[in-house]
Amino acid sequence: MEVQFAPFLLDASVPPEGRPQPPPSGKRSEARTYMEQRAEAVGMQFVPGRTHRSSSVLALQAAEYVADEHADCVEAFHRRVFEAYFEELEDIGSVDTLVGLGEAAGLPGEGLRQALEDGVYREQVEAAVEGARTAGVRSVPTFIFDEQYAIVGAQEYDTFQAVMKELGREPRAEGAQA
């Protein structure tokens, strides 16, 4: 089964330039949240202290460019964008930031820059975001299988195995690479 990333705006109210993000009210607990624990289990961290919320529209356009032009870099690019945003608190709404992340993932930066500056994937991303909303996607991650089943949220591997069995497909062994 092929895995494809699809554009979705978690907060469509964020303007293209992003917006200030106030610090959380109250004292942060030292206990890690469930999502922080899950992220850590796959080698990621959620670093506190973000003061700017990025618009992800350009990052989604960059991801579409990568999928179309450099499919072998898709996974590396997505991982690099996630690390930059959640661990390094980078602004993924910036063309310069995205070009640097693309280069770090093995992409030629000038092609990515040109696609972003020209808005080559703008309409495609807008249509995909609207399609996801129309299909009922309301949160991320949402995994859709054969346009029949959806798993919402970061679930345990057993949940994915059950859906694969329901679809009549042999699930991969846990930890196996795609």
N, C-alpha and C. Protein backbone atom coordinates (compact mmCIF):
# COMPACT_ATOMS: atom_id res chain seq x y z
N MET A 1 0.85 -1.17 0.00
CA MET A 1 0.00 0.00 0.00
C MET A 1 0.89 1.23 0.00
N GLU A 2 0.55 2.19 -0.81
CA GLU A 2 1.34 3.41 -0.95
C GLU A 2 0.86 4.46 0.04
N VAL A 3 1.80 5.17 0.65
CA VAL A 3 1.47 6.25 1.57
C VAL A 3 1.68 7.56 0.84
N GLN A 4 0.66 8.43 0.89
CA GLN A 4 0.75 9.74 0.28
C GLN A 4 0.36 10.79 1.31
N PHE A 5 1.15 11.85 1.37
CA PHE A 5 0.80 12.98 2.21
C PHE A 5 -0.20 13.83 1.44
N ALA A 6 -1.18 14.40 2.14
CA ALA A 6 -2.17 15.25 1.49
C ALA A 6 -2.25 16.58 2.24
N PRO A 7 -2.41 17.69 1.52
CA PRO A 7 -2.48 19.00 2.16
C PRO A 7 -3.70 19.14 3.05
N PHE A 8 -3.50 19.77 4.20
CA PHE A 8 -4.59 20.09 5.12
C PHE A 8 -4.15 21.25 5.99
N LEU A 9 -5.01 22.23 6.18
CA LEU A 9 -4.72 23.37 7.06
C LEU A 9 -5.42 23.14 8.39
N LEU A 10 -4.64 22.93 9.42
CA LEU A 10 -5.21 22.72 10.74
C LEU A 10 -5.87 24.00 11.25
N ASP A 11 -5.24 25.14 10.95
CA ASP A 11 -5.81 26.43 11.35
C ASP A 11 -5.77 27.36 10.15
N ALA A 12 -6.85 27.37 9.40
CA ALA A 12 -6.93 28.17 8.18
C ALA A 12 -6.98 29.67 8.47
N SER A 13 -7.13 30.06 9.74
CA SER A 13 -7.22 31.48 10.06
C SER A 13 -5.84 32.15 10.15
N VAL A 14 -4.76 31.37 10.11
CA VAL A 14 -3.42 31.95 10.19
C VAL A 14 -3.12 32.64 8.86
N PRO A 15 -2.80 33.94 8.89
CA PRO A 15 -2.53 34.66 7.64
C PRO A 15 -1.20 34.20 7.03
N PRO A 16 -0.96 34.49 5.74
CA PRO A 16 0.26 34.04 5.07
C PRO A 16 1.56 34.42 5.81
N GLU A 17 1.55 35.58 6.46
CA GLU A 17 2.76 36.01 7.18
C GLU A 17 2.87 35.39 8.57
N GLY A 18 1.89 34.57 8.94
CA GLY A 18 1.88 33.99 10.28
C GLY A 18 1.32 34.97 11.27
N ARG A 19 1.42 34.63 12.55
CA ARG A 19 0.94 35.55 13.58
C ARG A 19 1.65 35.24 14.89
N PRO A 20 1.73 36.24 15.76
CA PRO A 20 2.36 35.99 17.06
C PRO A 20 1.58 34.92 17.83
N GLN A 21 2.31 34.14 18.55
CA GLN A 21 1.67 33.11 19.39
C GLN A 21 2.05 33.40 20.83
N PRO A 22 1.05 33.77 21.63
CA PRO A 22 1.36 34.06 23.03
C PRO A 22 1.79 32.79 23.76
N PRO A 23 2.61 32.94 24.78
CA PRO A 23 3.00 31.77 25.55
C PRO A 23 1.78 31.15 26.23
N PRO A 24 1.84 29.84 26.52
CA PRO A 24 0.70 29.22 27.19
C PRO A 24 0.45 29.87 28.55
N SER A 25 -0.83 29.98 28.90
CA SER A 25 -1.15 30.56 30.20
C SER A 25 -0.89 29.52 31.29
N GLY A 26 -0.42 29.99 32.40
CA GLY A 26 -0.14 29.09 33.51
C GLY A 26 1.21 28.43 33.37
N LYS A 27 1.62 27.76 34.41
CA LYS A 27 2.91 27.09 34.43
C LYS A 27 2.82 25.76 33.70
N ARG A 28 3.81 25.50 32.84
CA ARG A 28 3.85 24.24 32.10
C ARG A 28 4.26 23.12 33.04
N SER A 29 3.53 22.04 32.95
CA SER A 29 3.83 20.87 33.76
C SER A 29 5.10 20.20 33.25
N GLU A 30 5.85 19.63 34.13
CA GLU A 30 7.05 18.89 33.75
C GLU A 30 6.68 17.55 33.11
N ALA A 31 5.47 17.08 33.35
CA ALA A 31 5.04 15.81 32.76
C ALA A 31 4.83 16.00 31.26
N ARG A 32 5.31 15.06 30.48
CA ARG A 32 5.13 15.13 29.04
C ARG A 32 3.71 14.68 28.68
N THR A 33 3.15 15.33 27.66
CA THR A 33 1.83 14.94 27.20
C THR A 33 1.92 13.63 26.43
N TYR A 34 0.76 13.05 26.18
CA TYR A 34 0.69 11.81 25.41
C TYR A 34 1.33 12.02 24.04
N MET A 35 1.00 13.14 23.37
CA MET A 35 1.56 13.41 22.04
C MET A 35 3.07 13.60 22.11
N GLU A 36 3.56 14.26 23.15
CA GLU A 36 5.01 14.43 23.29
C GLU A 36 5.70 13.07 23.46
N GLN A 37 5.07 12.19 24.21
CA GLN A 37 5.63 10.85 24.40
C GLN A 37 5.64 10.08 23.09
N ARG A 38 4.54 10.17 22.32
CA ARG A 38 4.45 9.47 21.03
C ARG A 38 5.49 10.02 20.06
N ALA A 39 5.65 11.33 20.02
CA ALA A 39 6.65 11.94 19.13
C ALA A 39 8.05 11.48 19.51
N GLU A 40 8.33 11.48 20.79
CA GLU A 40 9.65 11.04 21.25
C GLU A 40 9.93 9.59 20.85
N ALA A 41 8.90 8.76 20.86
CA ALA A 41 9.07 7.35 20.50
C ALA A 41 9.52 7.17 19.05
N VAL A 42 9.22 8.16 18.19
CA VAL A 42 9.67 8.08 16.80
C VAL A 42 10.79 9.08 16.51
N GLY A 43 11.42 9.55 17.57
CA GLY A 43 12.59 10.39 17.41
C GLY A 43 12.34 11.86 17.20
N MET A 44 11.17 12.37 17.60
CA MET A 44 10.87 13.80 17.47
C MET A 44 10.55 14.39 18.83
N GLN A 45 10.70 15.70 18.92
CA GLN A 45 10.38 16.42 20.15
C GLN A 45 9.47 17.61 19.82
N PHE A 46 8.66 17.98 20.79
CA PHE A 46 7.92 19.23 20.69
C PHE A 46 8.59 20.19 21.66
N VAL A 47 9.30 21.16 21.13
CA VAL A 47 10.03 22.10 21.96
C VAL A 47 9.11 23.26 22.32
N PRO A 48 8.99 23.59 23.60
CA PRO A 48 8.15 24.72 24.00
C PRO A 48 8.84 26.05 23.67
N GLY A 49 8.05 27.11 23.66
CA GLY A 49 8.62 28.44 23.50
C GLY A 49 8.32 29.11 22.17
N ARG A 50 7.48 28.52 21.36
CA ARG A 50 7.15 29.14 20.08
C ARG A 50 6.48 30.49 20.33
N THR A 51 6.95 31.52 19.62
CA THR A 51 6.36 32.85 19.73
C THR A 51 5.71 33.31 18.43
N HIS A 52 5.83 32.47 17.39
CA HIS A 52 5.27 32.81 16.09
C HIS A 52 4.63 31.55 15.49
N ARG A 53 3.37 31.66 15.12
CA ARG A 53 2.69 30.55 14.46
C ARG A 53 2.77 30.77 12.95
N SER A 54 3.37 29.84 12.25
CA SER A 54 3.54 29.94 10.80
C SER A 54 2.26 29.54 10.08
N SER A 55 2.06 30.14 8.94
CA SER A 55 1.08 29.62 7.99
C SER A 55 1.77 28.45 7.31
N SER A 56 1.07 27.34 7.16
CA SER A 56 1.67 26.18 6.51
C SER A 56 1.38 26.11 5.02
N VAL A 57 0.75 27.14 4.46
CA VAL A 57 0.36 27.11 3.05
C VAL A 57 1.58 26.92 2.14
N LEU A 58 2.65 27.68 2.36
CA LEU A 58 3.84 27.52 1.51
C LEU A 58 4.50 26.17 1.72
N ALA A 59 4.50 25.68 2.94
CA ALA A 59 5.08 24.35 3.21
C ALA A 59 4.29 23.28 2.47
N LEU A 60 2.97 23.42 2.42
CA LEU A 60 2.15 22.46 1.68
C LEU A 60 2.43 22.54 0.18
N GLN A 61 2.62 23.75 -0.32
CA GLN A 61 2.98 23.90 -1.73
C GLN A 61 4.35 23.28 -2.00
N ALA A 62 5.29 23.48 -1.10
CA ALA A 62 6.62 22.89 -1.24
C ALA A 62 6.52 21.37 -1.26
N ALA A 63 5.68 20.82 -0.41
CA ALA A 63 5.52 19.36 -0.35
C ALA A 63 4.95 18.82 -1.67
N GLU A 64 4.04 19.56 -2.28
CA GLU A 64 3.48 19.13 -3.57
C GLU A 64 4.56 19.19 -4.65
N TYR A 65 5.38 20.22 -4.63
CA TYR A 65 6.50 20.31 -5.56
C TYR A 65 7.42 19.10 -5.40
N VAL A 66 7.76 18.78 -4.17
CA VAL A 66 8.66 17.65 -3.91
C VAL A 66 8.03 16.36 -4.43
N ALA A 67 6.76 16.15 -4.15
CA ALA A 67 6.09 14.93 -4.61
C ALA A 67 6.08 14.83 -6.13
N ASP A 68 5.91 15.94 -6.82
CA ASP A 68 5.87 15.95 -8.29
C ASP A 68 7.25 15.84 -8.93
N GLU A 69 8.22 16.54 -8.36
CA GLU A 69 9.51 16.67 -9.03
C GLU A 69 10.64 15.83 -8.43
N HIS A 70 10.52 15.44 -7.17
CA HIS A 70 11.61 14.73 -6.49
C HIS A 70 11.04 13.70 -5.52
N ALA A 71 10.26 12.78 -6.04
CA ALA A 71 9.54 11.82 -5.21
C ALA A 71 10.45 11.05 -4.26
N ASP A 72 11.70 10.87 -4.62
CA ASP A 72 12.62 10.14 -3.75
C ASP A 72 12.98 10.94 -2.50
N CYS A 73 12.63 12.22 -2.46
CA CYS A 73 12.96 13.08 -1.31
C CYS A 73 11.76 13.39 -0.42
N VAL A 74 10.58 12.84 -0.75
CA VAL A 74 9.35 13.20 -0.03
C VAL A 74 9.49 12.96 1.47
N GLU A 75 9.87 11.76 1.85
CA GLU A 75 9.95 11.43 3.27
C GLU A 75 10.98 12.30 3.98
N ALA A 76 12.15 12.48 3.38
CA ALA A 76 13.20 13.31 4.00
C ALA A 76 12.74 14.75 4.13
N PHE A 77 12.03 15.26 3.12
CA PHE A 77 11.56 16.64 3.18
C PHE A 77 10.53 16.82 4.30
N HIS A 78 9.55 15.93 4.37
CA HIS A 78 8.54 16.04 5.42
C HIS A 78 9.19 15.95 6.80
N ARG A 79 10.09 15.02 6.98
CA ARG A 79 10.77 14.88 8.28
C ARG A 79 11.51 16.17 8.62
N ARG A 80 12.19 16.75 7.63
CA ARG A 80 12.97 17.97 7.88
C ARG A 80 12.05 19.14 8.24
N VAL A 81 10.90 19.24 7.57
CA VAL A 81 9.95 20.32 7.89
C VAL A 81 9.39 20.13 9.30
N PHE A 82 9.03 18.90 9.66
CA PHE A 82 8.51 18.64 11.01
C PHE A 82 9.56 18.98 12.06
N GLU A 83 10.79 18.56 11.86
CA GLU A 83 11.86 18.87 12.82
C GLU A 83 12.06 20.38 12.94
N ALA A 84 12.09 21.05 11.80
CA ALA A 84 12.31 22.50 11.82
C ALA A 84 11.20 23.21 12.59
N TYR A 85 9.96 22.81 12.37
CA TYR A 85 8.85 23.50 13.01
C TYR A 85 8.73 23.15 14.49
N PHE A 86 8.72 21.86 14.80
CA PHE A 86 8.45 21.43 16.17
C PHE A 86 9.67 21.44 17.09
N GLU A 87 10.86 21.20 16.54
CA GLU A 87 12.05 21.11 17.38
C GLU A 87 12.90 22.38 17.34
N GLU A 88 12.96 23.02 16.18
CA GLU A 88 13.83 24.18 16.02
C GLU A 88 13.06 25.50 16.01
N LEU A 89 11.72 25.41 16.07
CA LEU A 89 10.82 26.56 16.11
C LEU A 89 11.01 27.50 14.92
N GLU A 90 11.33 26.92 13.75
CA GLU A 90 11.53 27.68 12.52
C GLU A 90 10.19 28.14 11.95
N ASP A 91 10.24 29.16 11.10
CA ASP A 91 9.05 29.67 10.41
C ASP A 91 8.91 28.96 9.08
N ILE A 92 8.03 27.96 9.01
CA ILE A 92 7.85 27.20 7.78
C ILE A 92 6.94 27.93 6.79
N GLY A 93 6.61 29.17 7.08
CA GLY A 93 5.87 30.01 6.16
C GLY A 93 6.79 30.90 5.35
N SER A 94 8.09 30.70 5.48
CA SER A 94 9.09 31.50 4.80
C SER A 94 9.70 30.74 3.63
N VAL A 95 9.74 31.37 2.46
CA VAL A 95 10.33 30.74 1.29
C VAL A 95 11.79 30.38 1.57
N ASP A 96 12.54 31.31 2.17
CA ASP A 96 13.96 31.04 2.44
C ASP A 96 14.13 29.83 3.35
N THR A 97 13.31 29.74 4.39
CA THR A 97 13.38 28.60 5.30
C THR A 97 13.08 27.30 4.56
N LEU A 98 12.04 27.30 3.77
CA LEU A 98 11.65 26.09 3.04
C LEU A 98 12.70 25.67 2.03
N VAL A 99 13.32 26.62 1.36
CA VAL A 99 14.38 26.29 0.41
C VAL A 99 15.55 25.65 1.15
N GLY A 100 15.92 26.22 2.30
CA GLY A 100 17.00 25.62 3.10
C GLY A 100 16.66 24.22 3.56
N LEU A 101 15.43 24.01 3.98
CA LEU A 101 15.00 22.67 4.41
C LEU A 101 15.00 21.71 3.24
N GLY A 102 14.56 22.18 2.08
CA GLY A 102 14.58 21.35 0.88
C GLY A 102 16.00 20.94 0.51
N GLU A 103 16.91 21.88 0.57
CA GLU A 103 18.31 21.56 0.26
C GLU A 103 18.86 20.54 1.25
N ALA A 104 18.50 20.68 2.52
CA ALA A 104 18.94 19.72 3.54
C ALA A 104 18.38 18.33 3.28
N ALA A 105 17.24 18.27 2.59
CA ALA A 105 16.61 16.98 2.27
C ALA A 105 17.07 16.45 0.91
N GLY A 106 17.98 17.16 0.25
CA GLY A 106 18.53 16.68 -1.01
C GLY A 106 17.93 17.28 -2.27
N LEU A 107 17.18 18.37 -2.13
CA LEU A 107 16.54 19.01 -3.29
C LEU A 107 17.39 20.13 -3.84
N PRO A 108 17.26 20.41 -5.14
CA PRO A 108 17.88 21.62 -5.68
C PRO A 108 17.05 22.83 -5.25
N GLY A 109 17.65 23.72 -4.51
CA GLY A 109 16.93 24.83 -3.92
C GLY A 109 16.29 25.78 -4.91
N GLU A 110 16.95 26.04 -6.03
CA GLU A 110 16.41 27.04 -6.96
C GLU A 110 15.09 26.60 -7.60
N GLY A 111 14.95 25.31 -7.89
CA GLY A 111 13.68 24.82 -8.45
C GLY A 111 12.55 24.98 -7.45
N LEU A 112 12.81 24.66 -6.19
CA LEU A 112 11.80 24.83 -5.14
C LEU A 112 11.46 26.30 -4.96
N ARG A 113 12.48 27.15 -4.90
CA ARG A 113 12.24 28.59 -4.73
C ARG A 113 11.36 29.12 -5.87
N GLN A 114 11.68 28.75 -7.10
CA GLN A 114 10.91 29.23 -8.25
C GLN A 114 9.46 28.78 -8.17
N ALA A 115 9.25 27.51 -7.82
CA ALA A 115 7.88 27.00 -7.72
C ALA A 115 7.08 27.75 -6.65
N LEU A 116 7.73 28.04 -5.52
CA LEU A 116 7.03 28.75 -4.44
C LEU A 116 6.76 30.21 -4.82
N GLU A 117 7.76 30.88 -5.38
CA GLU A 117 7.58 32.29 -5.74
C GLU A 117 6.56 32.47 -6.85
N ASP A 118 6.48 31.49 -7.76
CA ASP A 118 5.52 31.57 -8.86
C ASP A 118 4.14 31.03 -8.48
N GLY A 119 4.00 30.43 -7.29
CA GLY A 119 2.71 29.90 -6.86
C GLY A 119 2.24 28.73 -7.71
N VAL A 120 3.17 27.94 -8.23
CA VAL A 120 2.84 26.84 -9.14
C VAL A 120 1.84 25.87 -8.53
N TYR A 121 1.95 25.62 -7.23
CA TYR A 121 1.09 24.61 -6.58
C TYR A 121 -0.02 25.21 -5.72
N ARG A 122 -0.21 26.51 -5.79
CA ARG A 122 -1.20 27.19 -4.95
C ARG A 122 -2.61 26.63 -5.17
N GLU A 123 -3.06 26.59 -6.40
CA GLU A 123 -4.43 26.12 -6.68
C GLU A 123 -4.59 24.65 -6.33
N GLN A 124 -3.57 23.86 -6.61
CA GLN A 124 -3.62 22.43 -6.29
C GLN A 124 -3.77 22.21 -4.79
N VAL A 125 -3.03 22.98 -3.99
CA VAL A 125 -3.12 22.86 -2.54
C VAL A 125 -4.49 23.35 -2.05
N GLU A 126 -4.96 24.47 -2.57
CA GLU A 126 -6.28 24.97 -2.16
C GLU A 126 -7.37 23.94 -2.45
N ALA A 127 -7.32 23.32 -3.62
CA ALA A 127 -8.33 22.32 -3.99
C ALA A 127 -8.23 21.09 -3.08
N ALA A 128 -7.02 20.66 -2.77
CA ALA A 128 -6.84 19.48 -1.92
C ALA A 128 -7.31 19.76 -0.49
N VAL A 129 -7.03 20.94 0.02
CA VAL A 129 -7.48 21.31 1.36
C VAL A 129 -9.00 21.33 1.41
N GLU A 130 -9.62 21.91 0.41
CA GLU A 130 -11.09 21.95 0.36
C GLU A 130 -11.65 20.53 0.23
N GLY A 131 -11.01 19.70 -0.57
CA GLY A 131 -11.44 18.31 -0.73
C GLY A 131 -11.37 17.55 0.58
N ALA A 132 -10.32 17.77 1.36
CA ALA A 132 -10.19 17.10 2.66
C ALA A 132 -11.30 17.56 3.60
N ARG A 133 -11.56 18.85 3.62
CA ARG A 133 -12.64 19.37 4.48
C ARG A 133 -13.99 18.79 4.07
N THR A 134 -14.24 18.74 2.76
CA THR A 134 -15.48 18.19 2.24
C THR A 134 -15.62 16.71 2.61
N ALA A 135 -14.50 16.01 2.62
CA ALA A 135 -14.51 14.57 2.97
C ALA A 135 -14.65 14.35 4.47
N GLY A 136 -14.61 15.42 5.25
CA GLY A 136 -14.81 15.29 6.69
C GLY A 136 -13.56 15.29 7.53
N VAL A 137 -12.39 15.52 6.93
CA VAL A 137 -11.16 15.58 7.72
C VAL A 137 -11.21 16.84 8.58
N ARG A 138 -10.98 16.67 9.87
CA ARG A 138 -11.04 17.79 10.81
C ARG A 138 -9.79 17.91 11.67
N SER A 139 -8.92 16.91 11.60
CA SER A 139 -7.71 16.96 12.43
C SER A 139 -6.59 16.17 11.76
N VAL A 140 -5.40 16.39 12.28
CA VAL A 140 -4.24 15.64 11.78
C VAL A 140 -3.58 14.93 12.95
N PRO A 141 -3.04 13.78 12.68
CA PRO A 141 -3.08 13.10 11.40
C PRO A 141 -4.42 12.40 11.19
N THR A 142 -4.82 12.29 9.95
CA THR A 142 -5.93 11.45 9.54
C THR A 142 -5.41 10.55 8.42
N PHE A 143 -5.57 9.27 8.59
CA PHE A 143 -5.10 8.29 7.62
C PHE A 143 -6.32 7.72 6.91
N ILE A 144 -6.34 7.80 5.60
CA ILE A 144 -7.47 7.28 4.83
C ILE A 144 -6.98 6.09 4.01
N PHE A 145 -7.71 4.99 4.11
CA PHE A 145 -7.34 3.75 3.43
C PHE A 145 -8.36 3.44 2.36
N ASP A 146 -7.89 3.33 1.12
CA ASP A 146 -8.74 2.95 -0.01
C ASP A 146 -10.06 3.74 -0.07
N GLU A 147 -10.03 4.96 0.39
CA GLU A 147 -11.21 5.84 0.40
C GLU A 147 -12.40 5.21 1.11
N GLN A 148 -12.13 4.25 2.02
CA GLN A 148 -13.20 3.56 2.74
C GLN A 148 -13.12 3.75 4.24
N TYR A 149 -11.93 3.71 4.77
CA TYR A 149 -11.73 3.75 6.22
C TYR A 149 -10.81 4.91 6.58
N ALA A 150 -11.06 5.48 7.73
CA ALA A 150 -10.19 6.55 8.22
C ALA A 150 -9.80 6.26 9.66
N ILE A 151 -8.55 6.53 9.94
CA ILE A 151 -8.06 6.49 11.32
C ILE A 151 -7.68 7.92 11.66
N VAL A 152 -8.27 8.44 12.71
CA VAL A 152 -8.02 9.82 13.11
C VAL A 152 -7.13 9.81 14.35
N GLY A 153 -6.08 10.61 14.27
CA GLY A 153 -5.17 10.75 15.41
C GLY A 153 -4.02 9.76 15.36
N ALA A 154 -3.09 9.98 16.25
CA ALA A 154 -1.92 9.10 16.36
C ALA A 154 -2.36 7.87 17.14
N GLN A 155 -2.55 6.79 16.43
CA GLN A 155 -3.06 5.57 17.04
C GLN A 155 -1.96 4.52 17.16
N GLU A 156 -2.27 3.51 17.95
CA GLU A 156 -1.33 2.40 18.10
C GLU A 156 -1.27 1.59 16.81
N TYR A 157 -0.17 0.91 16.61
CA TYR A 157 0.05 0.14 15.38
C TYR A 157 -1.03 -0.93 15.18
N ASP A 158 -1.52 -1.51 16.27
CA ASP A 158 -2.58 -2.53 16.17
C ASP A 158 -3.80 -2.01 15.43
N THR A 159 -4.12 -0.74 15.59
CA THR A 159 -5.26 -0.14 14.91
C THR A 159 -5.06 -0.19 13.39
N PHE A 160 -3.85 0.12 12.95
CA PHE A 160 -3.54 0.09 11.52
C PHE A 160 -3.59 -1.34 10.99
N GLN A 161 -3.09 -2.27 11.77
CA GLN A 161 -3.12 -3.67 11.35
C GLN A 161 -4.56 -4.16 11.18
N ALA A 162 -5.44 -3.75 12.07
CA ALA A 162 -6.84 -4.16 11.99
C ALA A 162 -7.49 -3.64 10.71
N VAL A 163 -7.21 -2.40 10.34
CA VAL A 163 -7.77 -1.84 9.11
C VAL A 163 -7.22 -2.59 7.90
N MET A 164 -5.94 -2.89 7.90
CA MET A 164 -5.35 -3.63 6.78
C MET A 164 -6.02 -5.00 6.64
N LYS A 165 -6.26 -5.66 7.74
CA LYS A 165 -6.93 -6.96 7.70
C LYS A 165 -8.35 -6.81 7.16
N GLU A 166 -9.05 -5.76 7.60
CA GLU A 166 -10.41 -5.51 7.13
C GLU A 166 -10.44 -5.29 5.62
N LEU A 167 -9.39 -4.69 5.09
CA LEU A 167 -9.29 -4.45 3.65
C LEU A 167 -8.78 -5.66 2.89
N GLY A 168 -8.47 -6.75 3.62
CA GLY A 168 -7.99 -7.95 2.96
C GLY A 168 -6.54 -7.88 2.54
N ARG A 169 -5.79 -7.03 3.21
CA ARG A 169 -4.37 -6.87 2.90
C ARG A 169 -3.54 -7.37 4.06
N GLU A 170 -2.41 -7.94 3.73
CA GLU A 170 -1.50 -8.43 4.76
C GLU A 170 -0.75 -7.24 5.34
N PRO A 171 -0.93 -6.96 6.63
CA PRO A 171 -0.19 -5.84 7.22
C PRO A 171 1.29 -6.17 7.33
N ARG A 172 2.11 -5.12 7.24
CA ARG A 172 3.55 -5.28 7.43
C ARG A 172 3.83 -5.62 8.88
N ALA A 173 4.96 -6.23 9.10
CA ALA A 173 5.40 -6.46 10.47
C ALA A 173 5.71 -5.11 11.09
N GLU A 174 5.44 -4.96 12.37
CA GLU A 174 5.70 -3.70 13.06
C GLU A 174 7.16 -3.34 12.91
N GLY A 175 7.38 -2.06 12.55
CA GLY A 175 8.74 -1.57 12.39
C GLY A 175 9.30 -1.74 10.99
N ALA A 176 8.60 -2.46 10.09
CA ALA A 176 9.08 -2.66 8.73
C ALA A 176 8.96 -1.36 7.95
N GLN A 177 9.90 -1.09 7.06
CA GLN A 177 9.90 0.14 6.26
C GLN A 177 9.07 -0.05 5.01
N ALA A 178 8.48 1.05 4.54
CA ALA A 178 7.67 1.03 3.30
C ALA A 178 8.55 0.85 2.09
